[in-house]
Amino acid sequence: MQNLIHYFLDTPDAAAMEQKLNALLTPNEISEMQRRLQIFALLEDGVSQREIAKQLGVGIATVTRGSRALKELKDHE
């Protein structure tokens, strides 16, 4: 994990970050990461988990997993 963290921290700007993400991840993986960020944003806006699942066309388990991950992030801030 440390190698991955340093790989991304050693990035000078957004364009270089985009290049690194495209080199490292498949288009599907990038899409999944974007969807997870959408889940985080909607949760932070107070949208219910069921509504998020409906809006994004994902399973409720996916949203619940995102909710737990977001809570863990906030607990460590």
PDB file of N, CA and C in Angstrom:
ATOM      1  N   MET A   1       0.818  -1.188   0.000  1.00  0.00           N
ATOM      2  CA  MET A   1       0.000   0.000   0.000  1.00  0.00           C
ATOM      3  C   MET A   1       0.868   1.260   0.000  1.00  0.00           C
ATOM      4  N   GLN A   2       1.995   1.213   0.711  1.00  0.00           N
ATOM      5  CA  GLN A   2       2.866   2.391   0.783  1.00  0.00           C
ATOM      6  C   GLN A   2       3.384   2.797  -0.602  1.00  0.00           C
ATOM      7  N   ASN A   3       3.689   1.796  -1.446  1.00  0.00           N
ATOM      8  CA  ASN A   3       4.155   2.113  -2.800  1.00  0.00           C
ATOM      9  C   ASN A   3       3.077   2.857  -3.580  1.00  0.00           C
ATOM     10  N   LEU A   4       1.854   2.420  -3.430  1.00  0.00           N
ATOM     11  CA  LEU A   4       0.738   3.059  -4.122  1.00  0.00           C
ATOM     12  C   LEU A   4       0.548   4.491  -3.635  1.00  0.00           C
ATOM     13  N   ILE A   5       0.612   4.672  -2.332  1.00  0.00           N
ATOM     14  CA  ILE A   5       0.451   6.013  -1.762  1.00  0.00           C
ATOM     15  C   ILE A   5       1.538   6.946  -2.290  1.00  0.00           C
ATOM     16  N   HIS A   6       2.771   6.501  -2.257  1.00  0.00           N
ATOM     17  CA  HIS A   6       3.874   7.344  -2.741  1.00  0.00           C
ATOM     18  C   HIS A   6       3.768   7.604  -4.245  1.00  0.00           C
ATOM     19  N   TYR A   7       3.295   6.616  -4.976  1.00  0.00           N
ATOM     20  CA  TYR A   7       3.105   6.774  -6.420  1.00  0.00           C
ATOM     21  C   TYR A   7       2.163   7.940  -6.703  1.00  0.00           C
ATOM     22  N   PHE A   8       1.088   8.023  -5.954  1.00  0.00           N
ATOM     23  CA  PHE A   8       0.120   9.096  -6.188  1.00  0.00           C
ATOM     24  C   PHE A   8       0.550  10.415  -5.550  1.00  0.00           C
ATOM     25  N   LEU A   9       1.210  10.373  -4.409  1.00  0.00           N
ATOM     26  CA  LEU A   9       1.666  11.619  -3.780  1.00  0.00           C
ATOM     27  C   LEU A   9       2.732  12.317  -4.605  1.00  0.00           C
ATOM     28  N   ASP A  10       3.463  11.546  -5.369  1.00  0.00           N
ATOM     29  CA  ASP A  10       4.522  12.106  -6.211  1.00  0.00           C
ATOM     30  C   ASP A  10       3.960  12.510  -7.573  1.00  0.00           C
ATOM     31  N   THR A  11       2.865  13.250  -7.549  1.00  0.00           N
ATOM     32  CA  THR A  11       2.189  13.677  -8.776  1.00  0.00           C
ATOM     33  C   THR A  11       2.065  15.199  -8.755  1.00  0.00           C
ATOM     34  N   PRO A  12       2.627  15.868  -9.763  1.00  0.00           N
ATOM     35  CA  PRO A  12       2.690  17.331  -9.713  1.00  0.00           C
ATOM     36  C   PRO A  12       1.383  18.076  -9.979  1.00  0.00           C
ATOM     37  N   ASP A  13       0.467  17.461 -10.746  1.00  0.00           N
ATOM     38  CA  ASP A  13      -0.745  18.200 -11.091  1.00  0.00           C
ATOM     39  C   ASP A  13      -1.860  17.242 -11.533  1.00  0.00           C
ATOM     40  N   ALA A  14      -3.027  17.813 -11.825  1.00  0.00           N
ATOM     41  CA  ALA A  14      -4.196  17.008 -12.188  1.00  0.00           C
ATOM     42  C   ALA A  14      -3.976  16.220 -13.481  1.00  0.00           C
ATOM     43  N   ALA A  15      -3.305  16.816 -14.441  1.00  0.00           N
ATOM     44  CA  ALA A  15      -3.067  16.123 -15.715  1.00  0.00           C
ATOM     45  C   ALA A  15      -2.184  14.891 -15.497  1.00  0.00           C
ATOM     46  N   ALA A  16      -1.155  15.039 -14.674  1.00  0.00           N
ATOM     47  CA  ALA A  16      -0.280  13.901 -14.378  1.00  0.00           C
ATOM     48  C   ALA A  16      -1.042  12.838 -13.588  1.00  0.00           C
ATOM     49  N   MET A  17      -1.930  13.276 -12.683  1.00  0.00           N
ATOM     50  CA  MET A  17      -2.732  12.322 -11.921  1.00  0.00           C
ATOM     51  C   MET A  17      -3.643  11.529 -12.862  1.00  0.00           C
ATOM     52  N   GLU A  18      -4.241  12.206 -13.805  1.00  0.00           N
ATOM     53  CA  GLU A  18      -5.109  11.525 -14.777  1.00  0.00           C
ATOM     54  C   GLU A  18      -4.318  10.482 -15.562  1.00  0.00           C
ATOM     55  N   GLN A  19      -3.113  10.832 -15.979  1.00  0.00           N
ATOM     56  CA  GLN A  19      -2.275   9.881 -16.709  1.00  0.00           C
ATOM     57  C   GLN A  19      -1.956   8.659 -15.851  1.00  0.00           C
ATOM     58  N   LYS A  20      -1.630   8.898 -14.588  1.00  0.00           N
ATOM     59  CA  LYS A  20      -1.313   7.783 -13.703  1.00  0.00           C
ATOM     60  C   LYS A  20      -2.533   6.886 -13.492  1.00  0.00           C
ATOM     61  N   LEU A  21      -3.689   7.491 -13.265  1.00  0.00           N
ATOM     62  CA  LEU A  21      -4.903   6.698 -13.064  1.00  0.00           C
ATOM     63  C   LEU A  21      -5.226   5.878 -14.308  1.00  0.00           C
ATOM     64  N   ASN A  22      -5.103   6.487 -15.481  1.00  0.00           N
ATOM     65  CA  ASN A  22      -5.389   5.769 -16.728  1.00  0.00           C
ATOM     66  C   ASN A  22      -4.390   4.653 -16.990  1.00  0.00           C
ATOM     67  N   ALA A  23      -3.154   4.832 -16.555  1.00  0.00           N
ATOM     68  CA  ALA A  23      -2.142   3.791 -16.735  1.00  0.00           C
ATOM     69  C   ALA A  23      -2.355   2.630 -15.771  1.00  0.00           C
ATOM     70  N   LEU A  24      -2.827   2.938 -14.589  1.00  0.00           N
ATOM     71  CA  LEU A  24      -2.937   1.933 -13.538  1.00  0.00           C
ATOM     72  C   LEU A  24      -4.267   1.185 -13.550  1.00  0.00           C
ATOM     73  N   LEU A  25      -5.348   1.881 -13.894  1.00  0.00           N
ATOM     74  CA  LEU A  25      -6.693   1.315 -13.776  1.00  0.00           C
ATOM     75  C   LEU A  25      -7.346   1.102 -15.136  1.00  0.00           C
ATOM     76  N   THR A  26      -8.238   0.121 -15.197  1.00  0.00           N
ATOM     77  CA  THR A  26      -9.032  -0.090 -16.407  1.00  0.00           C
ATOM     78  C   THR A  26     -10.158   0.945 -16.432  1.00  0.00           C
ATOM     79  N   PRO A  27     -10.756   1.178 -17.585  1.00  0.00           N
ATOM     80  CA  PRO A  27     -11.901   2.102 -17.638  1.00  0.00           C
ATOM     81  C   PRO A  27     -13.019   1.695 -16.667  1.00  0.00           C
ATOM     82  N   ASN A  28     -13.248   0.396 -16.513  1.00  0.00           N
ATOM     83  CA  ASN A  28     -14.279  -0.072 -15.589  1.00  0.00           C
ATOM     84  C   ASN A  28     -13.921   0.265 -14.139  1.00  0.00           C
ATOM     85  N   GLU A  29     -12.654   0.108 -13.783  1.00  0.00           N
ATOM     86  CA  GLU A  29     -12.225   0.434 -12.422  1.00  0.00           C
ATOM     87  C   GLU A  29     -12.367   1.929 -12.146  1.00  0.00           C
ATOM     88  N   ILE A  30     -12.050   2.741 -13.123  1.00  0.00           N
ATOM     89  CA  ILE A  30     -12.213   4.191 -12.976  1.00  0.00           C
ATOM     90  C   ILE A  30     -13.683   4.533 -12.804  1.00  0.00           C
ATOM     91  N   SER A  31     -14.534   3.898 -13.588  1.00  0.00           N
ATOM     92  CA  SER A  31     -15.978   4.123 -13.480  1.00  0.00           C
ATOM     93  C   SER A  31     -16.495   3.738 -12.103  1.00  0.00           C
ATOM     94  N   GLU A  32     -16.013   2.616 -11.572  1.00  0.00           N
ATOM     95  CA  GLU A  32     -16.418   2.177 -10.235  1.00  0.00           C
ATOM     96  C   GLU A  32     -15.976   3.168  -9.167  1.00  0.00           C
ATOM     97  N   MET A  33     -14.786   3.694  -9.295  1.00  0.00           N
ATOM     98  CA  MET A  33     -14.304   4.687  -8.329  1.00  0.00           C
ATOM     99  C   MET A  33     -15.160   5.952  -8.390  1.00  0.00           C
ATOM    100  N   GLN A  34     -15.521   6.370  -9.591  1.00  0.00           N
ATOM    101  CA  GLN A  34     -16.376   7.542  -9.741  1.00  0.00           C
ATOM    102  C   GLN A  34     -17.746   7.299  -9.114  1.00  0.00           C
ATOM    103  N   ARG A  35     -18.277   6.100  -9.283  1.00  0.00           N
ATOM    104  CA  ARG A  35     -19.571   5.758  -8.691  1.00  0.00           C
ATOM    105  C   ARG A  35     -19.483   5.789  -7.164  1.00  0.00           C
ATOM    106  N   ARG A  36     -18.388   5.286  -6.618  1.00  0.00           N
ATOM    107  CA  ARG A  36     -18.215   5.313  -5.158  1.00  0.00           C
ATOM    108  C   ARG A  36     -18.139   6.742  -4.646  1.00  0.00           C
ATOM    109  N   LEU A  37     -17.484   7.609  -5.402  1.00  0.00           N
ATOM    110  CA  LEU A  37     -17.436   9.016  -5.005  1.00  0.00           C
ATOM    111  C   LEU A  37     -18.829   9.647  -5.059  1.00  0.00           C
ATOM    112  N   GLN A  38     -19.630   9.253  -6.051  1.00  0.00           N
ATOM    113  CA  GLN A  38     -21.016   9.732  -6.120  1.00  0.00           C
ATOM    114  C   GLN A  38     -21.797   9.272  -4.894  1.00  0.00           C
ATOM    115  N   ILE A  39     -21.604   8.033  -4.499  1.00  0.00           N
ATOM    116  CA  ILE A  39     -22.280   7.507  -3.309  1.00  0.00           C
ATOM    117  C   ILE A  39     -21.882   8.332  -2.091  1.00  0.00           C
ATOM    118  N   PHE A  40     -20.586   8.578  -1.923  1.00  0.00           N
ATOM    119  CA  PHE A  40     -20.126   9.403  -0.798  1.00  0.00           C
ATOM    120  C   PHE A  40     -20.801  10.769  -0.810  1.00  0.00           C
ATOM    121  N   ALA A  41     -20.819  11.414  -1.972  1.00  0.00           N
ATOM    122  CA  ALA A  41     -21.389  12.762  -2.071  1.00  0.00           C
ATOM    123  C   ALA A  41     -22.872  12.759  -1.722  1.00  0.00           C
ATOM    124  N   LEU A  42     -23.607  11.789  -2.234  1.00  0.00           N
ATOM    125  CA  LEU A  42     -25.046  11.726  -1.952  1.00  0.00           C
ATOM    126  C   LEU A  42     -25.309  11.417  -0.480  1.00  0.00           C
ATOM    127  N   LEU A  43     -24.503  10.543   0.111  1.00  0.00           N
ATOM    128  CA  LEU A  43     -24.643  10.252   1.537  1.00  0.00           C
ATOM    129  C   LEU A  43     -24.396  11.518   2.358  1.00  0.00           C
ATOM    130  N   GLU A  44     -23.360  12.262   1.992  1.00  0.00           N
ATOM    131  CA  GLU A  44     -23.047  13.496   2.704  1.00  0.00           C
ATOM    132  C   GLU A  44     -24.147  14.541   2.544  1.00  0.00           C
ATOM    133  N   ASP A  45     -24.889  14.468   1.435  1.00  0.00           N
ATOM    134  CA  ASP A  45     -26.017  15.380   1.205  1.00  0.00           C
ATOM    135  C   ASP A  45     -27.281  14.925   1.928  1.00  0.00           C
ATOM    136  N   GLY A  46     -27.198  13.775   2.606  1.00  0.00           N
ATOM    137  CA  GLY A  46     -28.331  13.288   3.377  1.00  0.00           C
ATOM    138  C   GLY A  46     -29.346  12.478   2.593  1.00  0.00           C
ATOM    139  N   VAL A  47     -28.997  12.059   1.385  1.00  0.00           N
ATOM    140  CA  VAL A  47     -29.895  11.236   0.577  1.00  0.00           C
ATOM    141  C   VAL A  47     -29.935   9.837   1.192  1.00  0.00           C
ATOM    142  N   SER A  48     -31.115   9.248   1.232  1.00  0.00           N
ATOM    143  CA  SER A  48     -31.249   7.913   1.830  1.00  0.00           C
ATOM    144  C   SER A  48     -30.526   6.868   0.980  1.00  0.00           C
ATOM    145  N   GLN A  49     -30.125   5.794   1.654  1.00  0.00           N
ATOM    146  CA  GLN A  49     -29.426   4.729   0.941  1.00  0.00           C
ATOM    147  C   GLN A  49     -30.284   4.122  -0.162  1.00  0.00           C
ATOM    148  N   ARG A  50     -31.557   3.936   0.104  1.00  0.00           N
ATOM    149  CA  ARG A  50     -32.447   3.367  -0.925  1.00  0.00           C
ATOM    150  C   ARG A  50     -32.563   4.295  -2.138  1.00  0.00           C
ATOM    151  N   GLU A  51     -32.631   5.596  -1.877  1.00  0.00           N
ATOM    152  CA  GLU A  51     -32.732   6.560  -2.984  1.00  0.00           C
ATOM    153  C   GLU A  51     -31.438   6.582  -3.792  1.00  0.00           C
ATOM    154  N   ILE A  52     -30.314   6.493  -3.120  1.00  0.00           N
ATOM    155  CA  ILE A  52     -29.024   6.459  -3.823  1.00  0.00           C
ATOM    156  C   ILE A  52     -28.953   5.228  -4.717  1.00  0.00           C
ATOM    157  N   ALA A  53     -29.330   4.076  -4.174  1.00  0.00           N
ATOM    158  CA  ALA A  53     -29.319   2.841  -4.963  1.00  0.00           C
ATOM    159  C   ALA A  53     -30.188   3.001  -6.208  1.00  0.00           C
ATOM    160  N   LYS A  54     -31.355   3.604  -6.024  1.00  0.00           N
ATOM    161  CA  LYS A  54     -32.272   3.808  -7.149  1.00  0.00           C
ATOM    162  C   LYS A  54     -31.682   4.782  -8.168  1.00  0.00           C
ATOM    163  N   GLN A  55     -31.167   5.907  -7.694  1.00  0.00           N
ATOM    164  CA  GLN A  55     -30.614   6.934  -8.593  1.00  0.00           C
ATOM    165  C   GLN A  55     -29.436   6.418  -9.411  1.00  0.00           C
ATOM    166  N   LEU A  56     -28.556   5.659  -8.760  1.00  0.00           N
ATOM    167  CA  LEU A  56     -27.330   5.219  -9.428  1.00  0.00           C
ATOM    168  C   LEU A  56     -27.443   3.842 -10.069  1.00  0.00           C
ATOM    169  N   GLY A  57     -28.551   3.160  -9.813  1.00  0.00           N
ATOM    170  CA  GLY A  57     -28.724   1.833 -10.396  1.00  0.00           C
ATOM    171  C   GLY A  57     -27.776   0.797  -9.823  1.00  0.00           C
ATOM    172  N   VAL A  58     -27.524   0.916  -8.511  1.00  0.00           N
ATOM    173  CA  VAL A  58     -26.649  -0.044  -7.838  1.00  0.00           C
ATOM    174  C   VAL A  58     -27.445  -0.738  -6.743  1.00  0.00           C
ATOM    175  N   GLY A  59     -26.910  -1.816  -6.222  1.00  0.00           N
ATOM    176  CA  GLY A  59     -27.579  -2.534  -5.156  1.00  0.00           C
ATOM    177  C   GLY A  59     -27.460  -1.796  -3.832  1.00  0.00           C
ATOM    178  N   ILE A  60     -28.408  -2.056  -2.964  1.00  0.00           N
ATOM    179  CA  ILE A  60     -28.395  -1.435  -1.643  1.00  0.00           C
ATOM    180  C   ILE A  60     -27.141  -1.842  -0.869  1.00  0.00           C
ATOM    181  N   ALA A  61     -26.636  -3.056  -1.094  1.00  0.00           N
ATOM    182  CA  ALA A  61     -25.407  -3.504  -0.419  1.00  0.00           C
ATOM    183  C   ALA A  61     -24.218  -2.634  -0.824  1.00  0.00           C
ATOM    184  N   THR A  62     -24.179  -2.209  -2.071  1.00  0.00           N
ATOM    185  CA  THR A  62     -23.103  -1.332  -2.546  1.00  0.00           C
ATOM    186  C   THR A  62     -23.144  -0.001  -1.811  1.00  0.00           C
ATOM    187  N   VAL A  63     -24.344   0.537  -1.639  1.00  0.00           N
ATOM    188  CA  VAL A  63     -24.495   1.820  -0.946  1.00  0.00           C
ATOM    189  C   VAL A  63     -24.165   1.660   0.536  1.00  0.00           C
ATOM    190  N   THR A  64     -24.605   0.565   1.123  1.00  0.00           N
ATOM    191  CA  THR A  64     -24.310   0.312   2.533  1.00  0.00           C
ATOM    192  C   THR A  64     -22.808   0.194   2.754  1.00  0.00           C
ATOM    193  N   ARG A  65     -22.123  -0.486   1.855  1.00  0.00           N
ATOM    194  CA  ARG A  65     -20.666  -0.607   1.942  1.00  0.00           C
ATOM    195  C   ARG A  65     -20.027   0.781   1.835  1.00  0.00           C
ATOM    196  N   GLY A  66     -20.544   1.611   0.938  1.00  0.00           N
ATOM    197  CA  GLY A  66     -20.042   2.974   0.809  1.00  0.00           C
ATOM    198  C   GLY A  66     -20.295   3.790   2.065  1.00  0.00           C
ATOM    199  N   SER A  67     -21.448   3.588   2.675  1.00  0.00           N
ATOM    200  CA  SER A  67     -21.785   4.298   3.904  1.00  0.00           C
ATOM    201  C   SER A  67     -20.824   3.925   5.027  1.00  0.00           C
ATOM    202  N   ARG A  68     -20.522   2.635   5.150  1.00  0.00           N
ATOM    203  CA  ARG A  68     -19.572   2.190   6.178  1.00  0.00           C
ATOM    204  C   ARG A  68     -18.176   2.761   5.916  1.00  0.00           C
ATOM    205  N   ALA A  69     -17.757   2.756   4.659  1.00  0.00           N
ATOM    206  CA  ALA A  69     -16.434   3.274   4.309  1.00  0.00           C
ATOM    207  C   ALA A  69     -16.346   4.769   4.610  1.00  0.00           C
ATOM    208  N   LEU A  70     -17.402   5.499   4.292  1.00  0.00           N
ATOM    209  CA  LEU A  70     -17.420   6.938   4.558  1.00  0.00           C
ATOM    210  C   LEU A  70     -17.362   7.202   6.056  1.00  0.00           C
ATOM    211  N   LYS A  71     -18.095   6.420   6.830  1.00  0.00           N
ATOM    212  CA  LYS A  71     -18.079   6.580   8.291  1.00  0.00           C
ATOM    213  C   LYS A  71     -16.669   6.324   8.834  1.00  0.00           C
ATOM    214  N   GLU A  72     -16.000   5.298   8.325  1.00  0.00           N
ATOM    215  CA  GLU A  72     -14.636   5.004   8.770  1.00  0.00           C
ATOM    216  C   GLU A  72     -13.696   6.155   8.434  1.00  0.00           C
ATOM    217  N   LEU A  73     -13.851   6.738   7.244  1.00  0.00           N
ATOM    218  CA  LEU A  73     -13.021   7.883   6.863  1.00  0.00           C
ATOM    219  C   LEU A  73     -13.226   9.039   7.830  1.00  0.00           C
ATOM    220  N   LYS A  74     -14.474   9.322   8.128  1.00  0.00           N
ATOM    221  CA  LYS A  74     -14.780  10.451   9.023  1.00  0.00           C
ATOM    222  C   LYS A  74     -14.299  10.176  10.441  1.00  0.00           C
ATOM    223  N   ASP A  75     -14.340   8.915  10.866  1.00  0.00           N
ATOM    224  CA  ASP A  75     -13.859   8.563  12.195  1.00  0.00           C
ATOM    225  C   ASP A  75     -12.355   8.769  12.329  1.00  0.00           C
ATOM    226  N   HIS A  76     -11.635   8.724  11.210  1.00  0.00           N
ATOM    227  CA  HIS A  76     -10.180   8.865  11.237  1.00  0.00           C
ATOM    228  C   HIS A  76      -9.707  10.275  10.894  1.00  0.00           C
ATOM    229  N   GLU A  77     -10.625  11.181  10.690  1.00  0.00           N
ATOM    230  CA  GLU A  77     -10.222  12.566  10.374  1.00  0.00           C
ATOM    231  C   GLU A  77      -9.903  13.337  11.619  1.00  0.00           C
TER     232      GLU A  77
END
